[in-house]
Amino acid sequence: MIDVYAPLQDAKYDDPNLYKNFQHPLGFENYADAFFQKPFEVSFAFLYTLYKKVLLHQENGSEGGVLDWEEMCNLTLSKAPLEFITLHAESKGQTSMGKMVWPFRDSIYFFRLIKELEEAKINMKEVMRLLIDFSQKNENRTLIRNRVCERILKKQSILNLIESHVFHTDQSYIKPLVELVIQYEPIVRKGEGCMTIEEQSAAVTLGKRIGMVVGKEGKKGDLFALRKARRKTDFLNELNRLQFKCQLTVPPDVYEGKLTDLNFIEFKQFCMIAALNSFHAANQSHKGEEA
């Protein structure tokens, strides 16, 4: 406790209104906390704050600091294993009702994950912003973000959540979410039966080509038709249709074993996320040329 007390105190924030006790760097201008209110997204923001303020030794918002992995691992593994308990309660009149008690014991995993993601130039602040669904009521705007944060903290795949979110919200800028999925999924998808990096790369490459040609020569409905495919054969039939309609060139490795019945769902999700991202880029470029 003596070893970790000082670093943890560095993350503490004294709020005069007593609404919070730490101030995280994942909000954005005019929305200081960016609607962080649900248990897993708050837990994520807290751990991210520790990563920034404790591990990187940042002070007063500076970007300096050196991450000493040997020192950090010695502290959190040998001397003082960092374990946190997330307690969630809801107000019920003059009292509160407990809703969840959840222990988090994977601090090292989280810190290493954030380090790897940020070294890949992924802006976590922008990722958190893009996971807000402004079409929902205030209390529901971050439901999907809370679920994504929960899965990240539990080392689970977020692919289906991100794919559903980007098509549901119809955002025209999703690049940070695409980059997050591409970097994060291979970290948690390890073991027999999991999609390989080569298969993931083939799906993303195909998606980029689809998005580019549809953005220039087709309509967004073509993407939705491809997304609705429930079987590999239906998916391939839609690809053939796009080849004739939009001059799509399908990479040979798609037909040579990278797309299988076993990985079809994940392959299609990677493909559609990349396709939507490229579609928006091509669409904006096409509009610029017309102007």
Protein backbone atom coordinates (compact mmCIF):
# COMPACT_ATOMS: atom_id res chain seq x y z
CA MET A 1 0.00 0.00 0.00
CA ILE A 2 2.90 2.33 0.78
CA ASP A 3 4.42 1.65 -2.66
CA VAL A 4 1.29 2.53 -4.62
CA TYR A 5 -0.24 5.25 -2.43
CA ALA A 6 1.70 8.18 -3.89
CA PRO A 7 1.11 7.30 -7.57
CA LEU A 8 -2.60 6.74 -6.97
CA GLN A 9 -2.91 10.03 -5.12
CA ASP A 10 -1.45 11.75 -8.18
CA ALA A 11 -4.59 10.76 -10.10
CA LYS A 12 -6.94 12.13 -7.43
CA TYR A 13 -9.05 15.20 -8.21
CA ASP A 14 -10.86 17.30 -5.61
CA ASP A 15 -14.18 18.30 -7.11
CA PRO A 16 -15.84 21.14 -5.14
CA ASN A 17 -19.26 19.75 -6.14
CA LEU A 18 -18.31 16.20 -5.07
CA TYR A 19 -19.45 14.72 -8.38
CA LYS A 20 -16.17 12.90 -9.05
CA ASN A 21 -12.76 12.22 -7.53
CA PHE A 22 -10.63 11.93 -10.67
CA GLN A 23 -10.46 13.98 -13.86
CA HIS A 24 -9.78 11.88 -16.94
CA PRO A 25 -8.31 13.03 -20.29
CA LEU A 26 -10.89 11.26 -22.48
CA GLY A 27 -13.49 14.05 -22.60
CA PHE A 28 -13.65 16.72 -25.28
CA GLU A 29 -14.18 20.46 -25.54
CA ASN A 30 -17.49 21.76 -24.13
CA TYR A 31 -18.21 18.31 -22.69
CA ALA A 32 -15.64 17.88 -19.93
CA ASP A 33 -16.65 14.32 -19.08
CA ALA A 34 -18.26 13.42 -22.44
CA PHE A 35 -21.13 11.58 -20.72
CA PHE A 36 -18.92 9.07 -18.84
CA GLN A 37 -21.45 7.73 -16.36
CA LYS A 38 -21.83 3.96 -16.68
CA PRO A 39 -19.68 1.55 -14.65
CA PHE A 40 -17.38 0.05 -17.29
CA GLU A 41 -16.73 3.25 -19.20
CA VAL A 42 -15.92 5.02 -15.92
CA SER A 43 -13.62 2.13 -14.95
CA PHE A 44 -11.91 2.41 -18.33
CA ALA A 45 -11.49 6.18 -17.90
CA PHE A 46 -10.04 5.69 -14.40
CA LEU A 47 -7.49 3.12 -15.54
CA TYR A 48 -6.58 5.28 -18.53
CA THR A 49 -6.01 8.17 -16.14
CA LEU A 50 -3.62 6.02 -14.13
CA TYR A 51 -1.82 5.05 -17.31
CA LYS A 52 -1.33 8.69 -18.24
CA LYS A 53 -0.58 10.16 -14.83
CA VAL A 54 1.18 7.32 -13.06
CA LEU A 55 2.92 5.19 -15.66
CA LEU A 56 3.92 8.04 -17.94
CA HIS A 57 4.68 10.31 -14.97
CA GLN A 58 2.86 13.19 -16.61
CA GLU A 59 2.34 16.42 -14.71
CA ASN A 60 0.02 19.31 -15.46
CA GLY A 61 -1.09 17.80 -18.77
CA SER A 62 2.40 17.65 -20.31
CA GLU A 63 3.15 15.04 -22.94
CA GLY A 64 6.57 14.14 -21.55
CA GLY A 65 7.54 11.17 -19.45
CA VAL A 66 9.18 7.83 -19.98
CA LEU A 67 7.46 4.50 -19.38
CA ASP A 68 9.84 2.28 -17.41
CA TRP A 69 8.33 -1.18 -17.94
CA GLU A 70 10.81 -2.92 -15.64
CA GLU A 71 10.01 -0.55 -12.79
CA MET A 72 6.27 -0.70 -13.45
CA CYS A 73 6.11 -4.49 -13.61
CA ASN A 74 8.18 -4.77 -10.43
CA LEU A 75 5.74 -2.45 -8.69
CA THR A 76 2.47 -3.96 -9.88
CA LEU A 77 3.47 -7.61 -9.93
CA SER A 78 6.07 -8.18 -7.23
CA LYS A 79 5.59 -5.47 -4.63
CA ALA A 80 2.00 -4.36 -4.95
CA PRO A 81 -0.34 -6.15 -7.38
CA LEU A 82 -2.88 -3.55 -8.48
CA GLU A 83 -6.42 -4.81 -8.09
CA PHE A 84 -9.51 -2.63 -8.23
CA ILE A 85 -13.11 -3.24 -7.26
CA THR A 86 -15.81 -1.55 -9.33
CA LEU A 87 -18.88 -0.78 -7.22
CA HIS A 88 -22.00 0.44 -8.99
CA ALA A 89 -25.14 1.67 -7.25
CA GLU A 90 -28.21 3.64 -8.32
CA SER A 91 -30.06 6.24 -6.29
CA LYS A 92 -33.40 5.11 -4.91
CA GLY A 93 -34.90 8.03 -3.07
CA GLN A 94 -32.97 8.63 0.14
CA THR A 95 -30.88 5.50 -0.27
CA SER A 96 -28.94 3.66 -2.97
CA MET A 97 -29.34 0.19 -4.41
CA GLY A 98 -26.25 -1.82 -5.25
CA LYS A 99 -26.24 -3.02 -8.86
CA MET A 100 -22.78 -4.52 -9.41
CA VAL A 101 -19.55 -5.51 -7.65
CA TRP A 102 -16.80 -6.38 -10.12
CA PRO A 103 -13.10 -7.05 -9.38
CA PHE A 104 -10.49 -6.03 -11.96
CA ARG A 105 -7.15 -7.83 -11.67
CA ASP A 106 -5.58 -7.22 -15.10
CA SER A 107 -3.86 -3.86 -14.71
CA ILE A 108 -0.73 -5.01 -16.54
CA TYR A 109 -2.81 -6.21 -19.51
CA PHE A 110 -4.64 -2.89 -19.69
CA PHE A 111 -1.50 -0.75 -19.46
CA ARG A 112 0.29 -2.82 -22.10
CA LEU A 113 -2.78 -2.70 -24.35
CA ILE A 114 -3.08 1.09 -24.20
CA LYS A 115 0.64 1.45 -24.81
CA GLU A 116 0.41 -0.75 -27.91
CA LEU A 117 -2.68 1.03 -29.23
CA GLU A 118 -1.22 4.49 -28.77
CA GLU A 119 2.07 3.43 -30.35
CA ALA A 120 -0.08 2.50 -33.36
CA LYS A 121 -1.27 6.15 -33.39
CA ILE A 122 -4.78 5.35 -32.18
CA ASN A 123 -6.36 8.36 -30.46
CA MET A 124 -8.32 6.90 -27.53
CA LYS A 125 -10.01 10.23 -26.84
CA GLU A 126 -11.39 10.27 -30.38
CA VAL A 127 -12.40 6.61 -30.10
CA MET A 128 -14.43 7.36 -26.97
CA ARG A 129 -16.13 10.31 -28.70
CA LEU A 130 -17.10 8.27 -31.75
CA LEU A 131 -18.69 5.63 -29.50
CA ILE A 132 -21.35 8.12 -28.36
CA ASP A 133 -24.72 7.69 -30.06
CA PHE A 134 -26.21 11.19 -30.10
CA SER A 135 -29.47 9.90 -31.58
CA GLN A 136 -30.32 8.35 -28.21
CA LYS A 137 -31.56 9.99 -25.03
CA ASN A 138 -28.91 11.24 -22.60
CA GLU A 139 -28.94 8.17 -20.36
CA ASN A 140 -28.63 5.83 -23.38
CA ARG A 141 -26.04 7.70 -25.43
CA THR A 142 -23.11 5.68 -24.12
CA LEU A 143 -24.68 2.23 -23.82
CA ILE A 144 -22.58 0.89 -26.67
CA ARG A 145 -19.43 2.57 -25.34
CA ASN A 146 -19.99 0.99 -21.94
CA ARG A 147 -20.31 -2.44 -23.60
CA VAL A 148 -17.16 -1.87 -25.67
CA CYS A 149 -15.22 -0.82 -22.56
CA GLU A 150 -16.51 -3.87 -20.69
CA ARG A 151 -15.29 -6.22 -23.39
CA ILE A 152 -11.90 -4.54 -23.58
CA LEU A 153 -11.47 -4.80 -19.82
CA LYS A 154 -12.49 -8.47 -20.00
CA LYS A 155 -10.20 -9.24 -23.00
CA GLN A 156 -13.11 -10.00 -25.32
CA SER A 157 -13.75 -9.23 -28.97
CA ILE A 158 -15.42 -5.90 -29.83
CA LEU A 159 -15.74 -6.56 -33.57
CA ASN A 160 -19.50 -7.14 -33.75
CA LEU A 161 -20.24 -4.16 -31.49
CA ILE A 162 -18.18 -1.76 -33.60
CA GLU A 163 -19.59 -3.10 -36.88
CA SER A 164 -23.16 -2.68 -35.64
CA HIS A 165 -22.44 0.78 -34.20
CA VAL A 166 -20.88 2.33 -37.31
CA PHE A 167 -23.75 1.19 -39.53
CA HIS A 168 -26.41 2.20 -37.00
CA THR A 169 -25.17 5.72 -36.26
CA ASP A 170 -24.35 6.58 -39.88
CA GLN A 171 -21.29 8.60 -38.92
CA SER A 172 -19.24 9.91 -41.82
CA TYR A 173 -15.94 9.64 -39.93
CA ILE A 174 -15.10 6.28 -38.36
CA LYS A 175 -11.38 5.87 -39.10
CA PRO A 176 -10.25 5.70 -35.41
CA LEU A 177 -12.79 2.92 -34.75
CA VAL A 178 -11.57 0.96 -37.77
CA GLU A 179 -7.96 1.32 -36.63
CA LEU A 180 -8.92 0.26 -33.10
CA VAL A 181 -10.54 -2.96 -34.32
CA ILE A 182 -7.64 -3.81 -36.64
CA GLN A 183 -5.09 -3.39 -33.84
CA TYR A 184 -7.12 -4.76 -30.91
CA GLU A 185 -8.69 -7.92 -32.33
CA PRO A 186 -5.43 -9.87 -32.97
CA ILE A 187 -4.44 -9.21 -29.35
CA VAL A 188 -7.49 -10.98 -27.91
CA ARG A 189 -8.14 -13.41 -30.78
CA LYS A 190 -5.48 -16.01 -30.08
CA GLY A 191 -5.78 -19.76 -30.13
CA GLU A 192 -7.16 -22.55 -32.27
CA GLY A 193 -10.12 -21.61 -34.44
CA CYS A 194 -9.48 -17.87 -34.24
CA MET A 195 -9.18 -15.75 -37.33
CA THR A 196 -5.57 -15.30 -38.42
CA ILE A 197 -3.90 -11.96 -39.10
CA GLU A 198 -3.61 -12.94 -42.79
CA GLU A 199 -7.36 -13.62 -42.99
CA GLN A 200 -8.10 -10.35 -41.21
CA SER A 201 -5.81 -8.49 -43.59
CA ALA A 202 -7.56 -10.05 -46.60
CA ALA A 203 -10.96 -8.99 -45.25
CA VAL A 204 -9.79 -5.41 -44.64
CA THR A 205 -8.17 -5.16 -48.09
CA LEU A 206 -11.35 -6.42 -49.74
CA GLY A 207 -13.42 -3.96 -47.69
CA LYS A 208 -11.25 -1.02 -48.74
CA ARG A 209 -11.67 -1.90 -52.41
CA ILE A 210 -15.43 -2.32 -52.04
CA GLY A 211 -15.80 1.02 -50.27
CA MET A 212 -13.73 2.88 -52.86
CA VAL A 213 -15.61 1.60 -55.93
CA VAL A 214 -19.07 1.88 -54.32
CA GLY A 215 -18.27 5.42 -53.15
CA LYS A 216 -17.43 6.45 -56.70
CA GLU A 217 -19.76 4.36 -58.87
CA GLY A 218 -22.45 2.82 -56.69
CA LYS A 219 -24.83 3.61 -53.87
CA LYS A 220 -24.63 3.02 -50.13
CA GLY A 221 -27.41 0.47 -50.54
CA ASP A 222 -24.84 -1.80 -52.18
CA LEU A 223 -22.99 -1.96 -48.87
CA PHE A 224 -26.17 -2.82 -46.98
CA ALA A 225 -26.98 -5.57 -49.47
CA LEU A 226 -23.54 -7.07 -48.92
CA ARG A 227 -23.89 -6.74 -45.15
CA LYS A 228 -27.23 -8.59 -45.19
CA ALA A 229 -25.62 -11.72 -46.65
CA ARG A 230 -26.13 -14.54 -44.15
CA ARG A 231 -24.07 -17.22 -45.87
CA LYS A 232 -20.72 -17.31 -47.60
CA THR A 233 -22.34 -18.18 -50.93
CA ASP A 234 -24.68 -15.17 -50.67
CA PHE A 235 -21.72 -12.96 -49.83
CA LEU A 236 -19.76 -14.20 -52.85
CA ASN A 237 -22.78 -13.68 -55.09
CA GLU A 238 -22.98 -10.05 -53.96
CA LEU A 239 -19.26 -9.65 -54.66
CA ASN A 240 -19.82 -10.98 -58.18
CA ARG A 241 -22.63 -8.48 -58.70
CA LEU A 242 -20.39 -5.62 -57.60
CA GLN A 243 -17.66 -6.82 -59.95
CA PHE A 244 -19.98 -6.22 -62.90
CA LYS A 245 -21.72 -3.11 -61.57
CA CYS A 246 -18.81 -1.16 -60.05
CA GLN A 247 -15.70 -2.68 -61.67
CA LEU A 248 -14.70 -4.22 -58.34
CA THR A 249 -11.47 -6.22 -58.31
CA VAL A 250 -11.58 -8.98 -55.68
CA PRO A 251 -8.15 -10.00 -54.27
CA PRO A 252 -7.34 -13.59 -55.36
CA ASP A 253 -6.63 -14.78 -51.80
CA VAL A 254 -10.32 -14.28 -50.94
CA TYR A 255 -11.11 -17.22 -53.22
CA GLU A 256 -7.96 -19.11 -52.25
CA GLY A 257 -8.75 -19.94 -48.64
CA LYS A 258 -8.81 -16.66 -46.68
CA LEU A 259 -12.63 -16.64 -46.64
CA THR A 260 -14.05 -19.86 -45.16
CA ASP A 261 -17.33 -21.10 -43.74
CA LEU A 262 -15.73 -21.04 -40.30
CA ASN A 263 -14.55 -17.41 -40.35
CA PHE A 264 -17.32 -16.00 -42.56
CA ILE A 265 -19.05 -13.89 -39.89
CA GLU A 266 -15.85 -12.27 -38.63
CA PHE A 267 -14.49 -11.90 -42.18
CA LYS A 268 -17.64 -10.08 -43.26
CA GLN A 269 -17.59 -7.80 -40.19
CA PHE A 270 -13.98 -6.75 -40.81
CA CYS A 271 -14.78 -6.30 -44.48
CA MET A 272 -17.87 -4.14 -43.88
CA ILE A 273 -16.18 -1.87 -41.33
CA ALA A 274 -13.31 -1.22 -43.75
CA ALA A 275 -15.74 -0.83 -46.64
CA LEU A 276 -17.82 1.80 -44.85
CA ASN A 277 -14.72 3.75 -43.88
CA SER A 278 -13.42 3.75 -47.49
CA PHE A 279 -16.91 4.55 -48.79
CA HIS A 280 -17.03 7.76 -46.76
CA ALA A 281 -13.53 8.73 -47.89
CA ALA A 282 -14.36 8.09 -51.57
CA ASN A 283 -17.72 9.81 -51.26
CA GLN A 284 -16.18 12.94 -49.76
CA SER A 285 -13.48 12.97 -52.45
CA HIS A 286 -16.11 12.59 -55.20
CA LYS A 287 -18.19 15.46 -53.76
CA GLY A 288 -15.05 17.61 -53.64
CA GLU A 289 -14.34 16.93 -57.31
CA GLU A 290 -17.90 17.87 -58.27
CA ALA A 291 -17.69 21.13 -56.30
